[in-house]
Amino acid sequence: MCSHQTLCPSVDSNAPHIVSAHPEQGWSLLCNGAIVFDDSGELLPDGSVVAPHRVFAERLAVAA
């Protein structure tokens, strides 16, 4: 499944690559077994969840 020559990068690394993309459903499977969602949330191989990193619209507004 993973093409890394040594061990696949750990779950908390940014190096894993996508092995199966499903943009129509909003998720991708990484080579380390994690599932990442388009809203930036994650489901890790051990079943734990990383909540989405959302930015509220009020924070995006720039004062003129």
PDB file of N, CA and C in Angstrom:
ATOM      1  N   MET A   1       0.822  -1.188   0.000  1.00  0.00           N
ATOM      2  CA  MET A   1       0.000   0.000   0.000  1.00  0.00           C
ATOM      3  C   MET A   1       0.870   1.256   0.000  1.00  0.00           C
ATOM      4  N   CYS A   2       1.890   1.324   0.829  1.00  0.00           N
ATOM      5  CA  CYS A   2       2.729   2.510   0.931  1.00  0.00           C
ATOM      6  C   CYS A   2       4.013   2.314   0.136  1.00  0.00           C
ATOM      7  N   SER A   3       4.433   3.344  -0.591  1.00  0.00           N
ATOM      8  CA  SER A   3       5.639   3.234  -1.403  1.00  0.00           C
ATOM      9  C   SER A   3       6.868   3.842  -0.751  1.00  0.00           C
ATOM     10  N   HIS A   4       6.790   4.236   0.543  1.00  0.00           N
ATOM     11  CA  HIS A   4       7.965   4.755   1.224  1.00  0.00           C
ATOM     12  C   HIS A   4       8.995   3.634   1.362  1.00  0.00           C
ATOM     13  N   GLN A   5      10.260   3.951   1.076  1.00  0.00           N
ATOM     14  CA  GLN A   5      11.301   2.936   1.080  1.00  0.00           C
ATOM     15  C   GLN A   5      11.617   2.409   2.477  1.00  0.00           C
ATOM     16  N   THR A   6      11.578   3.242   3.504  1.00  0.00           N
ATOM     17  CA  THR A   6      11.723   2.772   4.888  1.00  0.00           C
ATOM     18  C   THR A   6      10.321   2.650   5.467  1.00  0.00           C
ATOM     19  N   LEU A   7      10.134   2.999   6.690  1.00  0.00           N
ATOM     20  CA  LEU A   7       8.796   2.966   7.275  1.00  0.00           C
ATOM     21  C   LEU A   7       7.975   4.161   6.819  1.00  0.00           C
ATOM     22  N   CYS A   8       6.692   3.978   6.750  1.00  0.00           N
ATOM     23  CA  CYS A   8       5.794   5.068   6.403  1.00  0.00           C
ATOM     24  C   CYS A   8       5.864   6.117   7.510  1.00  0.00           C
ATOM     25  N   PRO A   9       5.794   7.413   7.153  1.00  0.00           N
ATOM     26  CA  PRO A   9       5.844   8.465   8.184  1.00  0.00           C
ATOM     27  C   PRO A   9       4.736   8.296   9.215  1.00  0.00           C
ATOM     28  N   SER A  10       5.014   8.773  10.424  1.00  0.00           N
ATOM     29  CA  SER A  10       4.041   8.639  11.506  1.00  0.00           C
ATOM     30  C   SER A  10       2.801   9.486  11.229  1.00  0.00           C
ATOM     31  N   VAL A  11       1.766   9.221  11.995  1.00  0.00           N
ATOM     32  CA  VAL A  11       0.495   9.916  11.823  1.00  0.00           C
ATOM     33  C   VAL A  11       0.654  11.409  12.061  1.00  0.00           C
ATOM     34  N   ASP A  12       1.531  11.823  13.001  1.00  0.00           N
ATOM     35  CA  ASP A  12       1.686  13.245  13.309  1.00  0.00           C
ATOM     36  C   ASP A  12       2.711  13.933  12.416  1.00  0.00           C
ATOM     37  N   SER A  13       3.066  13.316  11.317  1.00  0.00           N
ATOM     38  CA  SER A  13       3.981  13.903  10.347  1.00  0.00           C
ATOM     39  C   SER A  13       3.190  14.439   9.162  1.00  0.00           C
ATOM     40  N   ASN A  14       3.748  15.405   8.447  1.00  0.00           N
ATOM     41  CA  ASN A  14       3.092  15.936   7.250  1.00  0.00           C
ATOM     42  C   ASN A  14       3.561  15.225   5.991  1.00  0.00           C
ATOM     43  N   ALA A  15       4.393  14.193   6.112  1.00  0.00           N
ATOM     44  CA  ALA A  15       4.972  13.525   4.955  1.00  0.00           C
ATOM     45  C   ALA A  15       4.108  12.437   4.309  1.00  0.00           C
ATOM     46  N   PRO A  16       3.126  11.832   4.984  1.00  0.00           N
ATOM     47  CA  PRO A  16       2.344  10.778   4.321  1.00  0.00           C
ATOM     48  C   PRO A  16       1.667  11.298   3.058  1.00  0.00           C
ATOM     49  N   HIS A  17       1.535  10.427   2.075  1.00  0.00           N
ATOM     50  CA  HIS A  17       0.885  10.847   0.835  1.00  0.00           C
ATOM     51  C   HIS A  17      -0.461  10.136   0.665  1.00  0.00           C
ATOM     52  N   ILE A  18      -1.258  10.668  -0.233  1.00  0.00           N
ATOM     53  CA  ILE A  18      -2.599  10.138  -0.487  1.00  0.00           C
ATOM     54  C   ILE A  18      -2.493   8.866  -1.317  1.00  0.00           C
ATOM     55  N   VAL A  19      -3.149   7.797  -0.863  1.00  0.00           N
ATOM     56  CA  VAL A  19      -3.176   6.549  -1.626  1.00  0.00           C
ATOM     57  C   VAL A  19      -4.536   6.318  -2.265  1.00  0.00           C
ATOM     58  N   SER A  20      -5.574   6.985  -1.752  1.00  0.00           N
ATOM     59  CA  SER A  20      -6.908   6.858  -2.327  1.00  0.00           C
ATOM     60  C   SER A  20      -7.666   8.158  -2.070  1.00  0.00           C
ATOM     61  N   ALA A  21      -7.981   8.885  -3.137  1.00  0.00           N
ATOM     62  CA  ALA A  21      -8.682  10.164  -3.004  1.00  0.00           C
ATOM     63  C   ALA A  21     -10.142  10.004  -3.414  1.00  0.00           C
ATOM     64  N   HIS A  22     -11.023  10.603  -2.645  1.00  0.00           N
ATOM     65  CA  HIS A  22     -12.460  10.583  -2.931  1.00  0.00           C
ATOM     66  C   HIS A  22     -13.012  12.003  -2.780  1.00  0.00           C
ATOM     67  N   PRO A  23     -12.613  12.919  -3.662  1.00  0.00           N
ATOM     68  CA  PRO A  23     -13.043  14.318  -3.522  1.00  0.00           C
ATOM     69  C   PRO A  23     -14.562  14.493  -3.618  1.00  0.00           C
ATOM     70  N   GLU A  24     -15.227  13.602  -4.336  1.00  0.00           N
ATOM     71  CA  GLU A  24     -16.683  13.705  -4.431  1.00  0.00           C
ATOM     72  C   GLU A  24     -17.362  13.420  -3.096  1.00  0.00           C
ATOM     73  N   GLN A  25     -16.664  12.709  -2.205  1.00  0.00           N
ATOM     74  CA  GLN A  25     -17.189  12.412  -0.875  1.00  0.00           C
ATOM     75  C   GLN A  25     -16.503  13.244   0.203  1.00  0.00           C
ATOM     76  N   GLY A  26     -15.448  13.962  -0.163  1.00  0.00           N
ATOM     77  CA  GLY A  26     -14.792  14.869   0.777  1.00  0.00           C
ATOM     78  C   GLY A  26     -13.753  14.249   1.682  1.00  0.00           C
ATOM     79  N   TRP A  27     -13.115  13.127   1.276  1.00  0.00           N
ATOM     80  CA  TRP A  27     -12.095  12.518   2.125  1.00  0.00           C
ATOM     81  C   TRP A  27     -11.025  11.829   1.289  1.00  0.00           C
ATOM     82  N   SER A  28      -9.864  11.606   1.934  1.00  0.00           N
ATOM     83  CA  SER A  28      -8.745  10.905   1.298  1.00  0.00           C
ATOM     84  C   SER A  28      -8.090   9.985   2.321  1.00  0.00           C
ATOM     85  N   LEU A  29      -7.613   8.836   1.852  1.00  0.00           N
ATOM     86  CA  LEU A  29      -6.887   7.887   2.695  1.00  0.00           C
ATOM     87  C   LEU A  29      -5.403   8.120   2.492  1.00  0.00           C
ATOM     88  N   LEU A  30      -4.663   8.291   3.593  1.00  0.00           N
ATOM     89  CA  LEU A  30      -3.217   8.468   3.532  1.00  0.00           C
ATOM     90  C   LEU A  30      -2.515   7.129   3.689  1.00  0.00           C
ATOM     91  N   CYS A  31      -1.252   7.075   3.267  1.00  0.00           N
ATOM     92  CA  CYS A  31      -0.499   5.825   3.304  1.00  0.00           C
ATOM     93  C   CYS A  31      -0.249   5.313   4.716  1.00  0.00           C
ATOM     94  N   ASN A  32      -0.382   6.157   5.733  1.00  0.00           N
ATOM     95  CA  ASN A  32      -0.179   5.711   7.112  1.00  0.00           C
ATOM     96  C   ASN A  32      -1.476   5.250   7.766  1.00  0.00           C
ATOM     97  N   GLY A  33      -2.564   5.191   6.983  1.00  0.00           N
ATOM     98  CA  GLY A  33      -3.835   4.697   7.500  1.00  0.00           C
ATOM     99  C   GLY A  33      -4.777   5.771   7.989  1.00  0.00           C
ATOM    100  N   ALA A  34      -4.338   7.024   8.044  1.00  0.00           N
ATOM    101  CA  ALA A  34      -5.206   8.116   8.488  1.00  0.00           C
ATOM    102  C   ALA A  34      -6.145   8.510   7.354  1.00  0.00           C
ATOM    103  N   ILE A  35      -7.322   8.990   7.726  1.00  0.00           N
ATOM    104  CA  ILE A  35      -8.279   9.519   6.766  1.00  0.00           C
ATOM    105  C   ILE A  35      -8.392  11.010   7.042  1.00  0.00           C
ATOM    106  N   VAL A  36      -8.179  11.821   6.014  1.00  0.00           N
ATOM    107  CA  VAL A  36      -8.302  13.270   6.161  1.00  0.00           C
ATOM    108  C   VAL A  36      -9.526  13.731   5.382  1.00  0.00           C
ATOM    109  N   PHE A  37     -10.221  14.702   5.966  1.00  0.00           N
ATOM    110  CA  PHE A  37     -11.446  15.216   5.379  1.00  0.00           C
ATOM    111  C   PHE A  37     -11.214  16.621   4.836  1.00  0.00           C
ATOM    112  N   ASP A  38     -12.025  17.016   3.853  1.00  0.00           N
ATOM    113  CA  ASP A  38     -11.883  18.329   3.223  1.00  0.00           C
ATOM    114  C   ASP A  38     -12.037  19.477   4.210  1.00  0.00           C
ATOM    115  N   ASP A  39     -12.745  19.271   5.305  1.00  0.00           N
ATOM    116  CA  ASP A  39     -12.910  20.340   6.301  1.00  0.00           C
ATOM    117  C   ASP A  39     -11.733  20.415   7.261  1.00  0.00           C
ATOM    118  N   SER A  40     -10.652  19.667   6.993  1.00  0.00           N
ATOM    119  CA  SER A  40      -9.393  19.608   7.740  1.00  0.00           C
ATOM    120  C   SER A  40      -9.457  18.697   8.958  1.00  0.00           C
ATOM    121  N   GLY A  41     -10.553  18.004   9.178  1.00  0.00           N
ATOM    122  CA  GLY A  41     -10.627  17.019  10.250  1.00  0.00           C
ATOM    123  C   GLY A  41      -9.909  15.748   9.834  1.00  0.00           C
ATOM    124  N   GLU A  42      -9.583  14.908  10.813  1.00  0.00           N
ATOM    125  CA  GLU A  42      -8.881  13.659  10.536  1.00  0.00           C
ATOM    126  C   GLU A  42      -9.417  12.536  11.409  1.00  0.00           C
ATOM    127  N   LEU A  43      -9.372  11.321  10.884  1.00  0.00           N
ATOM    128  CA  LEU A  43      -9.661  10.106  11.634  1.00  0.00           C
ATOM    129  C   LEU A  43      -8.378   9.294  11.590  1.00  0.00           C
ATOM    130  N   LEU A  44      -7.750   9.099  12.741  1.00  0.00           N
ATOM    131  CA  LEU A  44      -6.465   8.415  12.817  1.00  0.00           C
ATOM    132  C   LEU A  44      -6.647   6.907  12.879  1.00  0.00           C
ATOM    133  N   PRO A  45      -5.616   6.139  12.517  1.00  0.00           N
ATOM    134  CA  PRO A  45      -5.738   4.676  12.489  1.00  0.00           C
ATOM    135  C   PRO A  45      -6.162   4.054  13.820  1.00  0.00           C
ATOM    136  N   ASP A  46      -5.832   4.705  14.939  1.00  0.00           N
ATOM    137  CA  ASP A  46      -6.213   4.144  16.243  1.00  0.00           C
ATOM    138  C   ASP A  46      -7.649   4.500  16.628  1.00  0.00           C
ATOM    139  N   GLY A  47      -8.378   5.201  15.742  1.00  0.00           N
ATOM    140  CA  GLY A  47      -9.762   5.561  15.998  1.00  0.00           C
ATOM    141  C   GLY A  47      -9.947   6.934  16.621  1.00  0.00           C
ATOM    142  N   SER A  48      -8.849   7.591  16.987  1.00  0.00           N
ATOM    143  CA  SER A  48      -8.984   8.931  17.560  1.00  0.00           C
ATOM    144  C   SER A  48      -9.283   9.946  16.461  1.00  0.00           C
ATOM    145  N   VAL A  49      -9.846  11.073  16.879  1.00  0.00           N
ATOM    146  CA  VAL A  49     -10.321  12.086  15.943  1.00  0.00           C
ATOM    147  C   VAL A  49      -9.557  13.387  16.161  1.00  0.00           C
ATOM    148  N   VAL A  50      -9.192  14.050  15.061  1.00  0.00           N
ATOM    149  CA  VAL A  50      -8.629  15.393  15.109  1.00  0.00           C
ATOM    150  C   VAL A  50      -9.725  16.313  14.568  1.00  0.00           C
ATOM    151  N   ALA A  51     -10.175  17.231  15.402  1.00  0.00           N
ATOM    152  CA  ALA A  51     -11.261  18.129  15.009  1.00  0.00           C
ATOM    153  C   ALA A  51     -10.824  19.046  13.871  1.00  0.00           C
ATOM    154  N   PRO A  52     -11.767  19.470  13.040  1.00  0.00           N
ATOM    155  CA  PRO A  52     -11.453  20.407  11.958  1.00  0.00           C
ATOM    156  C   PRO A  52     -10.891  21.719  12.504  1.00  0.00           C
ATOM    157  N   HIS A  53     -10.024  22.320  11.722  1.00  0.00           N
ATOM    158  CA  HIS A  53      -9.407  23.597  12.091  1.00  0.00           C
ATOM    159  C   HIS A  53     -10.160  24.705  11.357  1.00  0.00           C
ATOM    160  N   ARG A  54     -11.295  25.074  11.893  1.00  0.00           N
ATOM    161  CA  ARG A  54     -12.157  26.043  11.221  1.00  0.00           C
ATOM    162  C   ARG A  54     -11.803  27.465  11.634  1.00  0.00           C
ATOM    163  N   VAL A  55     -11.949  28.380  10.687  1.00  0.00           N
ATOM    164  CA  VAL A  55     -11.773  29.805  10.943  1.00  0.00           C
ATOM    165  C   VAL A  55     -13.122  30.458  10.687  1.00  0.00           C
ATOM    166  N   PHE A  56     -13.631  31.162  11.667  1.00  0.00           N
ATOM    167  CA  PHE A  56     -14.938  31.795  11.538  1.00  0.00           C
ATOM    168  C   PHE A  56     -14.851  33.025  10.652  1.00  0.00           C
ATOM    169  N   ALA A  57     -15.939  33.338   9.964  1.00  0.00           N
ATOM    170  CA  ALA A  57     -15.983  34.445   9.010  1.00  0.00           C
ATOM    171  C   ALA A  57     -15.589  35.782   9.652  1.00  0.00           C
ATOM    172  N   GLU A  58     -15.937  35.988  10.918  1.00  0.00           N
ATOM    173  CA  GLU A  58     -15.592  37.239  11.588  1.00  0.00           C
ATOM    174  C   GLU A  58     -14.084  37.439  11.652  1.00  0.00           C
ATOM    175  N   ARG A  59     -13.338  36.359  11.773  1.00  0.00           N
ATOM    176  CA  ARG A  59     -11.878  36.452  11.841  1.00  0.00           C
ATOM    177  C   ARG A  59     -11.268  36.724  10.475  1.00  0.00           C
ATOM    178  N   LEU A  60     -11.996  36.399   9.425  1.00  0.00           N
ATOM    179  CA  LEU A  60     -11.481  36.616   8.073  1.00  0.00           C
ATOM    180  C   LEU A  60     -11.661  38.058   7.615  1.00  0.00           C
ATOM    181  N   ALA A  61     -12.584  38.781   8.249  1.00  0.00           N
ATOM    182  CA  ALA A  61     -12.850  40.169   7.857  1.00  0.00           C
ATOM    183  C   ALA A  61     -11.632  41.039   8.158  1.00  0.00           C
ATOM    184  N   VAL A  62     -11.306  41.904   7.208  1.00  0.00           N
ATOM    185  CA  VAL A  62     -10.165  42.799   7.367  1.00  0.00           C
ATOM    186  C   VAL A  62     -10.692  44.208   7.545  1.00  0.00           C
ATOM    187  N   ALA A  63     -10.239  44.878   8.597  1.00  0.00           N
ATOM    188  CA  ALA A  63     -10.676  46.254   8.843  1.00  0.00           C
ATOM    189  C   ALA A  63     -10.029  47.183   7.818  1.00  0.00           C
ATOM    190  N   ALA A  64     -10.806  48.093   7.294  1.00  0.00           N
ATOM    191  CA  ALA A  64     -10.290  49.019   6.270  1.00  0.00           C
ATOM    192  C   ALA A  64      -9.695  50.241   6.887  1.00  0.00           C
TER     193      ALA A  64
END
